C-alpha atoms as a PDB file:
ATOM      1  CA  VAL A   1      -9.085 -10.662  -8.976  1.00  0.00           C
ATOM      2  CA  GLN A   2      -9.937  -9.783  -5.422  1.00  0.00           C
ATOM      3  CA  LEU A   3      -7.699  -7.875  -3.069  1.00  0.00           C
ATOM      4  CA  ASP A   4      -8.459  -8.185   0.631  1.00  0.00           C
ATOM      5  CA  GLU A   5      -6.943  -5.726   3.073  1.00  0.00           C
ATOM      6  CA  SER A   6      -6.631  -6.137   6.796  1.00  0.00           C
ATOM      7  CA  GLY A   7      -4.786  -4.606   9.704  1.00  0.00           C
ATOM      8  CA  GLY A   8      -6.230  -1.129   9.871  1.00  0.00           C
ATOM      9  CA  GLY A   9      -7.199   0.428  13.170  1.00  0.00           C
ATOM     10  CA  SER A  10      -6.568   3.245  15.591  1.00  0.00           C
ATOM     11  CA  VAL A  11      -3.294   4.146  17.255  1.00  0.00           C
ATOM     12  CA  GLN A  12      -1.750   7.096  19.008  1.00  0.00           C
ATOM     13  CA  THR A  13       0.968   9.262  17.570  1.00  0.00           C
ATOM     14  CA  GLY A  14       4.213   7.338  17.360  1.00  0.00           C
ATOM     15  CA  GLY A  15       2.474   3.997  17.155  1.00  0.00           C
ATOM     16  CA  SER A  16       2.694   1.314  14.497  1.00  0.00           C
ATOM     17  CA  LEU A  17       0.313  -0.663  12.340  1.00  0.00           C
ATOM     18  CA  ARG A  18       0.785  -3.276   9.658  1.00  0.00           C
ATOM     19  CA  LEU A  19      -1.575  -3.521   6.732  1.00  0.00           C
ATOM     20  CA  SER A  20      -1.866  -6.730   4.740  1.00  0.00           C
ATOM     21  CA  CYS A  21      -3.223  -7.252   1.249  1.00  0.00           C
ATOM     22  CA  THR A  22      -3.955 -10.735   0.002  1.00  0.00           C
ATOM     23  CA  ALA A  23      -4.784 -11.430  -3.613  1.00  0.00           C
ATOM     24  CA  SER A  24      -7.058 -14.171  -4.880  1.00  0.00           C
ATOM     25  CA  GLY A  25      -8.515 -15.185  -8.201  1.00  0.00           C
ATOM     26  CA  ARG A  26      -5.356 -14.861 -10.245  1.00  0.00           C
ATOM     27  CA  THR A  27      -1.635 -15.207  -9.891  1.00  0.00           C
ATOM     28  CA  LEU A  28      -0.263 -11.738  -9.443  1.00  0.00           C
ATOM     29  CA  SER A  29       3.411 -12.596  -9.625  1.00  0.00           C
ATOM     30  CA  GLN A  30       3.907 -10.234 -12.575  1.00  0.00           C
ATOM     31  CA  TYR A  31       1.909  -7.431 -10.997  1.00  0.00           C
ATOM     32  CA  ALA A  32       3.221  -4.441  -9.162  1.00  0.00           C
ATOM     33  CA  MET A  33       1.506  -3.965  -5.822  1.00  0.00           C
ATOM     34  CA  GLY A  34       0.866  -0.540  -4.438  1.00  0.00           C
ATOM     35  CA  TRP A  35      -0.669   1.255  -1.506  1.00  0.00           C
ATOM     36  CA  PHE A  36      -2.549   4.491  -1.808  1.00  0.00           C
ATOM     37  CA  ARG A  37      -4.437   6.509   0.766  1.00  0.00           C
ATOM     38  CA  GLN A  38      -7.196   9.051   0.842  1.00  0.00           C
ATOM     39  CA  ALA A  39      -7.878  11.363   3.731  1.00  0.00           C
ATOM     40  CA  PRO A  40     -11.233  13.124   4.157  1.00  0.00           C
ATOM     41  CA  GLY A  41     -11.550  16.010   1.739  1.00  0.00           C
ATOM     42  CA  LYS A  42      -8.300  15.170  -0.022  1.00  0.00           C
ATOM     43  CA  GLU A  43      -7.362  13.406  -3.206  1.00  0.00           C
ATOM     44  CA  ARG A  44      -6.014   9.899  -3.241  1.00  0.00           C
ATOM     45  CA  GLU A  45      -2.240   9.841  -2.965  1.00  0.00           C
ATOM     46  CA  PHE A  46       0.493   7.327  -3.557  1.00  0.00           C
ATOM     47  CA  VAL A  47       2.092   5.771  -0.488  1.00  0.00           C
ATOM     48  CA  ALA A  48       4.304   2.856  -1.533  1.00  0.00           C
ATOM     49  CA  ALA A  49       4.741   0.207  -4.203  1.00  0.00           C
ATOM     50  CA  ILE A  50       6.739  -2.924  -4.848  1.00  0.00           C
ATOM     51  CA  ARG A  51       7.573  -4.314  -8.260  1.00  0.00           C
ATOM     52  CA  TRP A  52       9.351  -7.401  -9.515  1.00  0.00           C
ATOM     53  CA  SER A  53      11.951  -6.677 -12.188  1.00  0.00           C
ATOM     54  CA  GLY A  54      14.657  -9.289 -11.782  1.00  0.00           C
ATOM     55  CA  GLY A  55      14.453  -8.479  -8.100  1.00  0.00           C
ATOM     56  CA  MET A  56      12.101  -6.632  -5.807  1.00  0.00           C
ATOM     57  CA  THR A  57      12.169  -2.854  -6.164  1.00  0.00           C
ATOM     58  CA  THR A  58      10.329  -0.620  -3.711  1.00  0.00           C
ATOM     59  CA  TYR A  59       9.032   2.924  -4.070  1.00  0.00           C
ATOM     60  CA  TYR A  60       7.860   5.340  -1.411  1.00  0.00           C
ATOM     61  CA  ALA A  61       6.237   8.724  -1.173  1.00  0.00           C
ATOM     62  CA  ASP A  62       8.527  11.298   0.410  1.00  0.00           C
ATOM     63  CA  SER A  63       6.110  11.703   3.306  1.00  0.00           C
ATOM     64  CA  VAL A  64       6.508   8.085   4.418  1.00  0.00           C
ATOM     65  CA  THR A  65      10.118   7.324   3.500  1.00  0.00           C
ATOM     66  CA  GLY A  66      11.973   6.013   6.515  1.00  0.00           C
ATOM     67  CA  ARG A  67       8.766   5.250   8.404  1.00  0.00           C
ATOM     68  CA  PHE A  68       6.848   2.837   6.145  1.00  0.00           C
ATOM     69  CA  THR A  69       8.091  -0.402   4.638  1.00  0.00           C
ATOM     70  CA  ILE A  70       6.437  -2.404   1.891  1.00  0.00           C
ATOM     71  CA  ALA A  71       7.219  -6.080   1.493  1.00  0.00           C
ATOM     72  CA  ARG A  72       5.862  -9.038  -0.354  1.00  0.00           C
ATOM     73  CA  THR A  73       5.771 -12.774   0.338  1.00  0.00           C
ATOM     74  CA  ASN A  74       7.847 -15.090  -1.842  1.00  0.00           C
ATOM     75  CA  THR A  75       4.663 -16.375  -3.452  1.00  0.00           C
ATOM     76  CA  ARG A  76       3.749 -12.721  -4.182  1.00  0.00           C
ATOM     77  CA  THR A  77       0.152 -13.310  -3.118  1.00  0.00           C
ATOM     78  CA  THR A  78       0.375 -11.098  -0.072  1.00  0.00           C
ATOM     79  CA  ASN A  79       2.031  -7.793   0.492  1.00  0.00           C
ATOM     80  CA  TYR A  80       2.443  -5.840   3.676  1.00  0.00           C
ATOM     81  CA  LEU A  81       2.758  -2.210   4.592  1.00  0.00           C
ATOM     82  CA  GLN A  82       4.512  -1.761   7.915  1.00  0.00           C
ATOM     83  CA  MET A  83       3.798   1.713   9.234  1.00  0.00           C
ATOM     84  CA  ASN A  84       5.904   3.100  12.063  1.00  0.00           C
ATOM     85  CA  SER A  85       6.104   6.482  13.773  1.00  0.00           C
ATOM     86  CA  LEU A  86       2.570   7.274  12.740  1.00  0.00           C
ATOM     87  CA  THR A  87       1.240  10.809  13.010  1.00  0.00           C
ATOM     88  CA  PRO A  88      -2.263  12.255  12.645  1.00  0.00           C
ATOM     89  CA  ALA A  89      -1.290  13.261   9.087  1.00  0.00           C
ATOM     90  CA  ASP A  90      -1.274   9.551   8.242  1.00  0.00           C
ATOM     91  CA  THR A  91      -4.973   9.205   9.058  1.00  0.00           C
ATOM     92  CA  ALA A  92      -6.738   8.002   5.927  1.00  0.00           C
ATOM     93  CA  VAL A  93      -8.354   5.081   4.201  1.00  0.00           C
ATOM     94  CA  TYR A  94      -5.572   2.949   2.776  1.00  0.00           C
ATOM     95  CA  TYR A  95      -6.119   1.046  -0.460  1.00  0.00           C
ATOM     96  CA  CYS A  96      -4.177  -1.854  -1.854  1.00  0.00           C
ATOM     97  CA  ALA A  97      -3.840  -2.002  -5.631  1.00  0.00           C
ATOM     98  CA  ALA A  98      -2.397  -4.313  -8.281  1.00  0.00           C
ATOM     99  CA  GLY A  99      -1.121  -3.273 -11.665  1.00  0.00           C
ATOM    100  CA  LEU A 100       0.213  -5.384 -14.520  1.00  0.00           C
ATOM    101  CA  GLY A 101       3.344  -4.450 -16.352  1.00  0.00           C
ATOM    102  CA  LEU A 102       3.970  -1.158 -14.590  1.00  0.00           C
ATOM    103  CA  ILE A 103       7.206   0.560 -15.367  1.00  0.00           C
ATOM    104  CA  THR A 104       8.967   2.715 -12.846  1.00  0.00           C
ATOM    105  CA  SER A 105       7.436   5.944 -14.113  1.00  0.00           C
ATOM    106  CA  ARG A 106       3.917   4.585 -13.597  1.00  0.00           C
ATOM    107  CA  VAL A 107       4.027   2.982 -10.154  1.00  0.00           C
ATOM    108  CA  ARG A 108       3.018   6.220  -8.426  1.00  0.00           C
ATOM    109  CA  ASN A 109       0.014   6.730 -10.712  1.00  0.00           C
ATOM    110  CA  GLY A 110      -3.164   5.220  -9.326  1.00  0.00           C
ATOM    111  CA  ALA A 111      -4.793   5.232 -12.747  1.00  0.00           C
ATOM    112  CA  ALA A 112      -2.248   2.638 -13.892  1.00  0.00           C
ATOM    113  CA  TYR A 113      -3.509  -0.016 -11.471  1.00  0.00           C
ATOM    114  CA  GLN A 114      -6.194  -2.455 -12.612  1.00  0.00           C
ATOM    115  CA  TYR A 115      -7.385  -3.898  -9.312  1.00  0.00           C
ATOM    116  CA  TRP A 116      -8.201  -2.308  -5.979  1.00  0.00           C
ATOM    117  CA  GLY A 117      -9.090  -3.454  -2.491  1.00  0.00           C
ATOM    118  CA  GLN A 118     -11.986  -2.139  -0.477  1.00  0.00           C
ATOM    119  CA  GLY A 119      -9.861   0.038   1.773  1.00  0.00           C
ATOM    120  CA  ALA A 120      -8.758  -0.095   5.391  1.00  0.00           C
ATOM    121  CA  GLN A 121      -9.213   2.778   7.826  1.00  0.00           C
ATOM    122  CA  VAL A 122      -6.145   3.985   9.686  1.00  0.00           C
ATOM    123  CA  THR A 123      -6.709   6.567  12.399  1.00  0.00           C
ATOM    124  CA  VAL A 124      -3.881   8.191  14.324  1.00  0.00           C
ATOM    125  CA  SER A 125      -4.758  10.310  17.328  1.00  0.00           C
ATOM    126  CA  SER A 126      -2.581  12.936  18.956  1.00  0.00           C
END
């Protein structure tokens, strides 16, 4: 399985970016898709996730709730992270991840995901 991210870049405070993650090599319809980020000198942290369980359920870190939105195409091959009202604290490398059979209690745990993208740099300037 390969996860390809795109859409990173540089914006000013208050700006928006949309990250995309496209999966290839396997059907990921039963996989939860997540986004994590890692800022310089900090540990990787959970950002958002989306999981199919009879319907799409989304999860967000407190720091991005109300500003970021995760969505997934009907074919579930691509997911998006729409990021609004960005601040310098959002500057990081953002990673897309896919995890099979994740239950709610595991979607925020990066160790539960089997596949990872290469990362996309997001830089927010003040």
